[in-house]
């Protein structure tokens, strides 16, 4: 996003965690049936067991409705619903398959990377709200670098990867849909605290992005057949899962989703926690929300119809007036 659309986001210092963990796993050559077989592993169960801190993230409600049966056992959220939440394990399912960007993802291939060094800054002061703007941030960094050069003869350097791309104006004009897609992808891949599994039936749309991730060495590509030797996949989904969540944990997750007004997902949690009253309360809120939406839509249609009727009346009167004028001219 910083490379292609720098003016669309706040520019902040890069963050690095003190804790290490497994790389995101990207499945290649897998069908939905292969994914199910891998998750079940050696278990006698026909469906994998999911906890409340494991979630399937999809791009929209339509994709949620088409999930394979074995994934419907898990908590499933759209990208929008997952924003602001964190989970231990995330399965990002068919994000690229339904992408409106289509083959525009190919522009990712135009990124070139160079290894460079820069002064390692130690910023004790917080940035003001105005300095979160990309231009103001660059000015702030330039000023800080100058202060470091003036105050210290020897400064600590750090290595970083500089991204380059050509024809940025053309990208902004012709690839603007990709800006939102990259933001949605960012939200999706930053939801897991521990493990991320990426599955997509449309490997063509995903290819440019997955190749970029590979070049940056930030993902673990798992080819079909390699899952049998992979330390996190060879025994099935149990290696990704913690012990089954308790009823209290499911109830707490349901309350969290209810407060965010995601009533159907909350109802699913309350069903697993066996809180029937809370489940029905969620469904009631959902139906009330739908009714309110339909009522607003009906009001809009009535308003449009009324305006249309008045417009037609005005047009009819205008045509009669025009006809009279033409008759007089004749």
Protein backbone atom coordinates (compact mmCIF):
# COMPACT_ATOMS: atom_id res chain seq x y z
CA UNK A 1 0.00 0.00 0.00
CA UNK A 2 2.84 2.39 0.88
CA UNK A 3 4.46 1.65 -2.46
CA UNK A 4 1.44 2.03 -4.77
CA UNK A 5 -0.97 4.24 -2.82
CA UNK A 6 1.12 6.18 -0.24
CA UNK A 7 -1.41 9.00 0.15
CA UNK A 8 -4.25 6.69 1.20
CA UNK A 9 -2.82 5.61 4.57
CA UNK A 10 -1.09 7.09 7.60
CA UNK A 11 2.65 6.53 7.47
CA UNK A 12 4.07 5.21 10.74
CA UNK A 13 7.29 3.65 11.92
CA UNK A 14 7.57 -0.06 11.27
CA UNK A 15 6.83 -2.27 14.24
CA UNK A 16 8.59 -5.49 15.17
CA UNK A 17 7.42 -8.03 17.72
CA UNK A 18 9.69 -9.37 20.45
CA UNK A 19 8.08 -12.78 19.97
CA UNK A 20 8.69 -15.12 17.07
CA UNK A 21 6.26 -17.59 15.57
CA UNK A 22 5.54 -19.76 12.54
CA UNK A 23 5.25 -18.14 9.12
CA UNK A 24 1.82 -18.00 7.47
CA UNK A 25 1.17 -21.20 5.53
CA UNK A 26 0.03 -20.85 1.92
CA UNK A 27 -1.50 -23.97 0.41
CA UNK A 28 -0.79 -24.61 -3.28
CA UNK A 29 -2.44 -27.27 -5.44
CA UNK A 30 -5.11 -28.07 -2.84
CA UNK A 31 -8.80 -28.59 -3.63
CA UNK A 32 -11.50 -28.10 -0.99
CA UNK A 33 -11.58 -31.90 -0.58
CA UNK A 34 -7.80 -31.91 -0.03
CA UNK A 35 -8.17 -29.17 2.57
CA UNK A 36 -10.79 -31.17 4.45
CA UNK A 37 -8.66 -34.35 4.35
CA UNK A 38 -5.63 -32.43 5.61
CA UNK A 39 -7.58 -30.90 8.50
CA UNK A 40 -9.10 -34.18 9.59
CA UNK A 41 -5.72 -35.95 9.42
CA UNK A 42 -5.77 -39.29 11.25
CA UNK A 43 -8.86 -38.39 13.26
CA UNK A 44 -11.87 -40.71 13.06
CA UNK A 45 -14.16 -37.69 13.00
CA UNK A 46 -15.60 -36.56 9.66
CA UNK A 47 -15.20 -32.89 10.62
CA UNK A 48 -12.32 -31.02 12.31
CA UNK A 49 -12.93 -29.50 15.73
CA UNK A 50 -12.65 -25.72 16.03
CA UNK A 51 -12.31 -23.54 19.10
CA UNK A 52 -13.67 -20.03 19.65
CA UNK A 53 -10.22 -18.55 19.02
CA UNK A 54 -10.04 -20.11 15.57
CA UNK A 55 -11.82 -18.34 12.76
CA UNK A 56 -12.42 -18.61 9.03
CA UNK A 57 -12.22 -15.20 7.34
CA UNK A 58 -13.97 -14.65 4.01
CA UNK A 59 -14.34 -11.51 1.91
CA UNK A 60 -18.14 -11.06 2.10
CA UNK A 61 -21.47 -12.53 3.20
CA UNK A 62 -21.96 -14.25 -0.18
CA UNK A 63 -18.75 -16.23 0.26
CA UNK A 64 -19.80 -17.13 3.80
CA UNK A 65 -22.94 -18.78 2.42
CA UNK A 66 -20.92 -20.96 0.01
CA UNK A 67 -18.45 -22.33 2.59
CA UNK A 68 -17.94 -26.10 2.42
CA UNK A 69 -19.79 -27.96 5.16
CA UNK A 70 -16.69 -28.86 7.19
CA UNK A 71 -15.76 -25.17 7.57
CA UNK A 72 -19.27 -24.16 8.62
CA UNK A 73 -18.49 -25.81 11.97
CA UNK A 74 -16.06 -22.95 12.66
CA UNK A 75 -16.73 -19.34 13.55
CA UNK A 76 -16.79 -17.54 10.20
CA UNK A 77 -16.42 -13.77 9.81
CA UNK A 78 -16.16 -11.42 6.86
CA UNK A 79 -13.14 -9.11 6.58
CA UNK A 80 -15.33 -6.25 7.82
CA UNK A 81 -16.55 -8.23 10.83
CA UNK A 82 -13.04 -9.39 11.75
CA UNK A 83 -11.59 -5.88 11.79
CA UNK A 84 -10.40 -4.97 15.28
CA UNK A 85 -10.55 -8.58 16.54
CA UNK A 86 -7.71 -11.06 17.09
CA UNK A 87 -7.69 -14.86 17.12
CA UNK A 88 -5.11 -17.56 17.73
CA UNK A 89 -5.61 -19.23 14.34
CA UNK A 90 -7.06 -17.86 11.12
CA UNK A 91 -7.97 -19.60 7.87
CA UNK A 92 -8.18 -17.05 5.05
CA UNK A 93 -10.55 -18.73 2.62
CA UNK A 94 -10.93 -17.83 -1.09
CA UNK A 95 -9.99 -14.18 -0.66
CA UNK A 96 -8.57 -13.87 -4.18
CA UNK A 97 -11.24 -16.02 -5.87
CA UNK A 98 -13.94 -13.37 -5.54
CA UNK A 99 -11.68 -10.33 -5.82
CA UNK A 100 -13.11 -7.50 -7.97
CA UNK A 101 -9.52 -6.57 -8.83
CA UNK A 102 -9.26 -9.70 -11.00
CA UNK A 103 -6.08 -9.70 -13.07
CA UNK A 104 -5.09 -6.27 -11.71
CA UNK A 105 -3.23 -8.17 -8.98
CA UNK A 106 -0.52 -8.64 -11.63
CA UNK A 107 0.74 -5.10 -10.91
CA UNK A 108 2.36 -6.52 -7.75
CA UNK A 109 4.94 -8.09 -10.08
CA UNK A 110 6.19 -4.60 -10.96
CA UNK A 111 7.59 -4.08 -7.46
CA UNK A 112 11.38 -4.19 -7.32
CA UNK A 113 13.28 -4.52 -4.04
CA UNK A 114 16.73 -3.29 -3.06
CA UNK A 115 18.60 -3.88 0.20
CA UNK A 116 19.70 -0.56 1.69
CA UNK A 117 20.91 0.94 4.96
CA UNK A 118 19.59 3.87 6.92
CA UNK A 119 20.18 5.63 10.21
CA UNK A 120 18.45 3.81 13.04
CA UNK A 121 16.30 6.40 14.74
CA UNK A 122 15.48 6.44 18.43
CA UNK A 123 12.38 8.55 18.74
CA UNK A 124 11.39 9.36 22.28
CA UNK A 125 8.68 11.84 21.39
CA UNK A 126 5.26 10.90 20.09
CA UNK A 127 4.12 12.09 16.67
CA UNK A 128 1.29 14.61 16.60
CA UNK A 129 -1.90 13.90 14.68
CA UNK A 130 -0.77 16.18 11.83
CA UNK A 131 2.51 14.26 11.51
CA UNK A 132 0.61 11.05 10.75
CA UNK A 133 0.06 12.45 7.26
CA UNK A 134 2.52 10.85 4.79
CA UNK A 135 4.08 14.18 3.70
CA UNK A 136 4.39 15.52 7.27
CA UNK A 137 5.84 12.19 8.41
CA UNK A 138 8.58 12.37 5.77
CA UNK A 139 9.46 15.90 6.85
CA UNK A 140 9.61 14.79 10.47
CA UNK A 141 11.91 11.87 9.62
CA UNK A 142 14.18 14.14 7.56
CA UNK A 143 14.45 16.59 10.45
CA UNK A 144 15.25 13.81 12.93
CA UNK A 145 17.94 12.37 10.65
CA UNK A 146 19.55 15.78 10.35
CA UNK A 147 19.57 16.17 14.13
CA UNK A 148 21.21 12.77 14.49
CA UNK A 149 23.92 13.66 11.95
CA UNK A 150 24.67 16.94 13.73
CA UNK A 151 24.73 15.50 17.26
CA UNK A 152 26.62 12.25 16.71
CA UNK A 153 29.64 11.43 14.61
CA UNK A 154 28.94 7.72 14.70
CA UNK A 155 25.39 6.57 14.39
CA UNK A 156 23.85 3.12 14.43
CA UNK A 157 22.70 1.86 11.02
CA UNK A 158 19.98 -0.64 10.20
CA UNK A 159 19.25 -2.65 7.08
CA UNK A 160 15.88 -2.39 5.37
CA UNK A 161 14.21 -3.34 2.09
CA UNK A 162 13.33 -0.43 -0.16
CA UNK A 163 10.42 -0.99 -2.58
CA UNK A 164 10.31 0.69 -5.98
CA UNK A 165 7.60 0.97 -8.62
CA UNK A 166 7.26 2.90 -11.89
CA UNK A 167 4.36 4.95 -13.31
CA UNK A 168 2.61 5.59 -9.99
CA UNK A 169 0.11 8.05 -11.53
CA UNK A 170 -1.02 5.39 -14.00
CA UNK A 171 -1.48 2.94 -11.13
CA UNK A 172 -3.61 5.38 -9.17
CA UNK A 173 -5.86 5.87 -12.20
CA UNK A 174 -6.18 2.34 -13.54
CA UNK A 175 -5.70 0.19 -10.44
CA UNK A 176 -7.61 2.11 -7.76
CA UNK A 177 -9.77 -0.96 -6.95
CA UNK A 178 -6.57 -2.69 -5.84
CA UNK A 179 -6.08 -0.12 -3.07
CA UNK A 180 -9.18 -1.33 -1.18
CA UNK A 181 -8.28 -4.94 -1.90
CA UNK A 182 -4.82 -4.51 -0.37
CA UNK A 183 -6.36 -2.88 2.70
CA UNK A 184 -8.80 -5.78 3.10
CA UNK A 185 -5.93 -8.24 2.68
CA UNK A 186 -3.92 -6.39 5.33
CA UNK A 187 -6.81 -6.64 7.79
CA UNK A 188 -7.19 -10.36 7.07
CA UNK A 189 -3.57 -11.41 7.49
CA UNK A 190 -3.08 -9.38 10.68
CA UNK A 191 -5.94 -11.00 12.63
CA UNK A 192 -4.06 -14.15 13.83
CA UNK A 193 -1.88 -14.05 16.94
CA UNK A 194 -0.29 -17.42 16.25
CA UNK A 195 -1.05 -19.15 12.93
CA UNK A 196 -2.41 -18.18 9.52
CA UNK A 197 -3.49 -20.67 6.85
CA UNK A 198 -4.18 -19.26 3.36
CA UNK A 199 -6.33 -21.30 0.97
CA UNK A 200 -7.63 -20.17 -2.41
CA UNK A 201 -9.11 -21.99 -5.39
CA UNK A 202 -8.10 -19.11 -7.68
CA UNK A 203 -4.33 -19.49 -7.65
CA UNK A 204 -4.08 -17.38 -10.83
CA UNK A 205 -5.32 -14.21 -9.11
CA UNK A 206 -3.22 -15.04 -6.06
CA UNK A 207 0.00 -15.79 -7.96
CA UNK A 208 1.49 -12.28 -8.04
CA UNK A 209 0.86 -11.70 -4.34
CA UNK A 210 2.13 -15.13 -3.28
CA UNK A 211 5.26 -14.67 -5.39
CA UNK A 212 5.89 -11.32 -3.71
CA UNK A 213 5.48 -12.94 -0.29
CA UNK A 214 7.91 -15.68 -1.30
CA UNK A 215 10.48 -13.13 -2.49
CA UNK A 216 10.19 -11.39 0.89
CA UNK A 217 10.54 -14.76 2.66
CA UNK A 218 7.49 -14.11 4.83
CA UNK A 219 5.38 -17.20 4.01
CA UNK A 220 5.76 -20.96 4.09
CA UNK A 221 4.48 -22.39 0.78
CA UNK A 222 3.01 -25.89 1.23
CA UNK A 223 2.62 -27.87 -2.01
CA UNK A 224 0.05 -30.65 -2.28
CA UNK A 225 1.60 -33.74 -0.66
CA UNK A 226 4.05 -31.79 1.50
CA UNK A 227 1.51 -31.39 4.29
CA UNK A 228 2.28 -34.98 5.35
CA UNK A 229 5.77 -33.87 6.40
CA UNK A 230 4.93 -30.37 7.61
CA UNK A 231 5.35 -30.06 11.41
CA UNK A 232 2.11 -28.10 11.80
CA UNK A 233 0.02 -30.06 9.32
CA UNK A 234 1.13 -33.69 9.26
CA UNK A 235 -1.22 -34.73 12.09
CA UNK A 236 -4.21 -32.80 10.79
CA UNK A 237 -5.90 -29.78 12.25
CA UNK A 238 -5.32 -30.90 15.84
CA UNK A 239 -1.81 -29.47 15.60
CA UNK A 240 -3.31 -26.08 14.77
CA UNK A 241 -5.97 -26.31 17.42
CA UNK A 242 -5.73 -25.83 21.12
CA UNK A 243 -8.00 -27.85 23.37
CA UNK A 244 -11.70 -27.41 22.63
CA UNK A 245 -13.06 -24.13 23.93
CA UNK A 246 -15.22 -24.20 27.03
CA UNK A 247 -18.79 -22.98 27.13
CA UNK A 248 -17.63 -19.87 29.01
CA UNK A 249 -15.11 -19.04 26.25
CA UNK A 250 -17.77 -19.42 23.56
CA UNK A 251 -20.14 -17.24 25.60
CA UNK A 252 -17.50 -14.50 25.98
CA UNK A 253 -16.81 -14.54 22.24
CA UNK A 254 -20.56 -14.35 21.58
CA UNK A 255 -20.89 -11.32 23.85
CA UNK A 256 -17.96 -9.65 22.07
CA UNK A 257 -19.58 -10.17 18.66
CA UNK A 258 -23.02 -9.14 19.96
CA UNK A 259 -21.59 -5.82 21.13
CA UNK A 260 -20.22 -5.26 17.63
CA UNK A 261 -23.73 -6.02 16.27
CA UNK A 262 -22.69 -9.14 14.38
CA UNK A 263 -25.79 -10.98 15.54
CA UNK A 264 -25.66 -14.13 13.38
CA UNK A 265 -22.04 -14.87 14.31
CA UNK A 266 -22.85 -14.16 17.96
CA UNK A 267 -25.82 -16.54 17.77
CA UNK A 268 -23.49 -19.26 16.48
CA UNK A 269 -21.25 -18.76 19.52
CA UNK A 270 -24.18 -18.88 21.93
CA UNK A 271 -25.38 -22.07 20.27
CA UNK A 272 -22.02 -23.68 21.10
CA UNK A 273 -22.17 -22.33 24.65
CA UNK A 274 -25.72 -23.72 24.94
CA UNK A 275 -27.16 -20.31 25.85
CA UNK A 276 -30.49 -20.66 24.07
CA UNK A 277 -31.94 -17.39 25.45
CA UNK A 278 -28.94 -15.38 24.25
CA UNK A 279 -29.03 -17.14 20.88
CA UNK A 280 -32.71 -16.24 20.36
CA UNK A 281 -32.00 -12.69 21.50
CA UNK A 282 -29.33 -12.40 18.78
CA UNK A 283 -31.69 -13.76 16.15
CA UNK A 284 -34.41 -11.34 17.29
CA UNK A 285 -31.98 -8.40 16.96
CA UNK A 286 -30.95 -9.67 13.54
CA UNK A 287 -34.56 -9.88 12.32
CA UNK A 288 -35.29 -6.42 13.74
CA UNK A 289 -32.25 -5.03 11.94
CA UNK A 290 -33.37 -6.66 8.68
CA UNK A 291 -36.89 -5.26 9.12
CA UNK A 292 -35.52 -1.77 9.73
CA UNK A 293 -33.35 -2.05 6.63
CA UNK A 294 -36.28 -3.19 4.49
CA UNK A 295 -38.44 -0.40 5.88
CA UNK A 296 -35.79 2.18 4.96
CA UNK A 297 -35.47 0.66 1.50
CA UNK A 298 -39.26 0.82 1.04
CA UNK A 299 -39.30 4.50 2.11
CA UNK A 300 -36.53 5.23 -0.42
CA UNK A 301 -38.50 3.53 -3.19
CA UNK A 302 -41.66 5.46 -2.30
CA UNK A 303 -39.70 8.73 -2.27
CA UNK A 304 -38.13 7.89 -5.65
CA UNK A 305 -41.50 6.93 -7.12
CA UNK A 306 -43.09 10.18 -5.89
CA UNK A 307 -40.26 12.25 -7.36
CA UNK A 308 -40.48 10.29 -10.60
CA UNK A 309 -44.20 10.98 -10.85
CA UNK A 310 -43.63 14.69 -10.27
CA UNK A 311 -40.82 14.66 -12.82
CA UNK A 312 -42.99 13.01 -15.46
CA UNK A 313 -45.74 15.57 -14.80
CA UNK A 314 -43.20 18.39 -15.21
CA UNK A 315 -41.83 16.85 -18.43
CA UNK A 316 -45.34 16.46 -19.85
CA UNK A 317 -46.12 20.11 -19.10
CA UNK A 318 -42.81 21.21 -20.61
CA UNK A 319 -43.51 19.27 -23.82
CA UNK A 320 -46.96 20.86 -24.13
CA UNK A 321 -45.42 24.30 -23.70
CA UNK A 322 -42.78 23.48 -26.29
CA UNK A 323 -45.46 22.24 -28.70
CA UNK A 324 -47.42 25.53 -28.33
CA UNK A 325 -44.29 27.53 -29.07
CA UNK A 326 -43.57 25.47 -32.18
CA UNK A 327 -47.17 25.87 -33.38
CA UNK A 328 -46.89 29.65 -33.03
CA UNK A 329 -43.61 29.61 -34.98
CA UNK A 330 -45.26 27.48 -37.68
